[in-house]
Amino acid sequence: MKNSDFLNIIFMAIGVFSIIASIINWDAFFNSSKAGIFLKLFGRNGSRIFYFLLGTTIFSIGLLSILNIIE
């Protein structure tokens, strides 16, 4: 396994974490100080949508890079 593959797997795990946190509306995730910025901007449901889309994007980039579709 190359180092870049390991990094892409980490990206995919972060993406999955963000997706799951947004789907189950995880309080520990949304009550963090870093999520507070998006809560103020978008509200709770808007932040959930934002983090779902962000997680999907991060996961997709990691997957596409592992599959050598993007470099």
C-alpha atoms as a PDB file:
ATOM      1  CA  MET A   1       0.000   0.000   0.000  1.00  0.00           C
ATOM      2  CA  LYS A   2       1.336   3.409  -0.962  1.00  0.00           C
ATOM      3  CA  ASN A   3       1.305   6.351   1.408  1.00  0.00           C
ATOM      4  CA  SER A   4      -1.170   8.124  -0.858  1.00  0.00           C
ATOM      5  CA  ASP A   5      -3.566   5.173  -0.565  1.00  0.00           C
ATOM      6  CA  PHE A   6      -3.385   5.404   3.225  1.00  0.00           C
ATOM      7  CA  LEU A   7      -4.136   9.128   3.058  1.00  0.00           C
ATOM      8  CA  ASN A   8      -7.086   8.470   0.757  1.00  0.00           C
ATOM      9  CA  ILE A   9      -8.470   5.876   3.159  1.00  0.00           C
ATOM     10  CA  ILE A  10      -8.212   8.462   5.947  1.00  0.00           C
ATOM     11  CA  PHE A  11     -10.106  10.934   3.727  1.00  0.00           C
ATOM     12  CA  MET A  12     -12.791   8.341   3.097  1.00  0.00           C
ATOM     13  CA  ALA A  13     -13.121   7.618   6.835  1.00  0.00           C
ATOM     14  CA  ILE A  14     -13.481  11.329   7.609  1.00  0.00           C
ATOM     15  CA  GLY A  15     -16.141  11.579   4.915  1.00  0.00           C
ATOM     16  CA  VAL A  16     -18.073   8.628   6.327  1.00  0.00           C
ATOM     17  CA  PHE A  17     -17.823  10.107   9.831  1.00  0.00           C
ATOM     18  CA  SER A  18     -19.284  13.401   8.605  1.00  0.00           C
ATOM     19  CA  ILE A  19     -22.055  11.645   6.673  1.00  0.00           C
ATOM     20  CA  ILE A  20     -23.062   9.483   9.642  1.00  0.00           C
ATOM     21  CA  ALA A  21     -22.953  12.436  12.058  1.00  0.00           C
ATOM     22  CA  SER A  22     -25.248  14.443   9.781  1.00  0.00           C
ATOM     23  CA  ILE A  23     -27.708  11.584   9.263  1.00  0.00           C
ATOM     24  CA  ILE A  24     -28.097  10.684  12.947  1.00  0.00           C
ATOM     25  CA  ASN A  25     -28.026  14.360  14.016  1.00  0.00           C
ATOM     26  CA  TRP A  26     -25.219  13.662  16.481  1.00  0.00           C
ATOM     27  CA  ASP A  27     -25.257  16.284  19.252  1.00  0.00           C
ATOM     28  CA  ALA A  28     -21.571  15.875  20.131  1.00  0.00           C
ATOM     29  CA  PHE A  29     -20.673  16.693  16.536  1.00  0.00           C
ATOM     30  CA  PHE A  30     -22.980  19.679  16.126  1.00  0.00           C
ATOM     31  CA  ASN A  31     -22.322  21.158  19.570  1.00  0.00           C
ATOM     32  CA  SER A  32     -18.600  21.473  18.895  1.00  0.00           C
ATOM     33  CA  SER A  33     -17.185  24.981  18.596  1.00  0.00           C
ATOM     34  CA  LYS A  34     -16.044  24.387  15.004  1.00  0.00           C
ATOM     35  CA  ALA A  35     -19.531  23.384  13.881  1.00  0.00           C
ATOM     36  CA  GLY A  36     -20.957  26.438  15.625  1.00  0.00           C
ATOM     37  CA  ILE A  37     -19.989  28.669  12.712  1.00  0.00           C
ATOM     38  CA  PHE A  38     -22.151  26.685  10.321  1.00  0.00           C
ATOM     39  CA  LEU A  39     -24.957  26.389  12.867  1.00  0.00           C
ATOM     40  CA  LYS A  40     -25.129  30.175  13.052  1.00  0.00           C
ATOM     41  CA  LEU A  41     -25.034  30.516   9.255  1.00  0.00           C
ATOM     42  CA  PHE A  42     -27.375  27.703   8.207  1.00  0.00           C
ATOM     43  CA  GLY A  43     -29.253  26.540  11.314  1.00  0.00           C
ATOM     44  CA  ARG A  44     -29.283  22.927  12.509  1.00  0.00           C
ATOM     45  CA  ASN A  45     -30.890  21.329   9.437  1.00  0.00           C
ATOM     46  CA  GLY A  46     -28.858  23.439   7.039  1.00  0.00           C
ATOM     47  CA  SER A  47     -25.684  22.425   8.846  1.00  0.00           C
ATOM     48  CA  ARG A  48     -26.682  18.774   8.599  1.00  0.00           C
ATOM     49  CA  ILE A  49     -27.123  19.155   4.841  1.00  0.00           C
ATOM     50  CA  PHE A  50     -23.804  21.022   4.568  1.00  0.00           C
ATOM     51  CA  TYR A  51     -21.890  18.354   6.494  1.00  0.00           C
ATOM     52  CA  PHE A  52     -23.592  15.576   4.524  1.00  0.00           C
ATOM     53  CA  LEU A  53     -22.507  17.180   1.240  1.00  0.00           C
ATOM     54  CA  LEU A  54     -19.025  17.884   2.598  1.00  0.00           C
ATOM     55  CA  GLY A  55     -18.662  14.271   3.766  1.00  0.00           C
ATOM     56  CA  THR A  56     -19.880  12.966   0.420  1.00  0.00           C
ATOM     57  CA  THR A  57     -17.388  15.160  -1.402  1.00  0.00           C
ATOM     58  CA  ILE A  58     -14.451  14.151   0.807  1.00  0.00           C
ATOM     59  CA  PHE A  59     -15.362  10.466   0.542  1.00  0.00           C
ATOM     60  CA  SER A  60     -15.722  10.703  -3.249  1.00  0.00           C
ATOM     61  CA  ILE A  61     -12.346  12.400  -3.667  1.00  0.00           C
ATOM     62  CA  GLY A  62     -10.667   9.673  -1.624  1.00  0.00           C
ATOM     63  CA  LEU A  63     -12.411   6.900  -3.550  1.00  0.00           C
ATOM     64  CA  LEU A  64     -11.732   8.390  -6.974  1.00  0.00           C
ATOM     65  CA  SER A  65      -8.083   8.862  -6.070  1.00  0.00           C
ATOM     66  CA  ILE A  66      -7.732   5.235  -4.929  1.00  0.00           C
ATOM     67  CA  LEU A  67      -9.309   4.118  -8.197  1.00  0.00           C
ATOM     68  CA  ASN A  68      -6.813   6.334 -10.077  1.00  0.00           C
ATOM     69  CA  ILE A  69      -9.609   8.298 -11.734  1.00  0.00           C
ATOM     70  CA  ILE A  70      -8.134  11.499 -10.326  1.00  0.00           C
ATOM     71  CA  GLU A  71      -4.562  12.127  -9.280  1.00  0.00           C
END
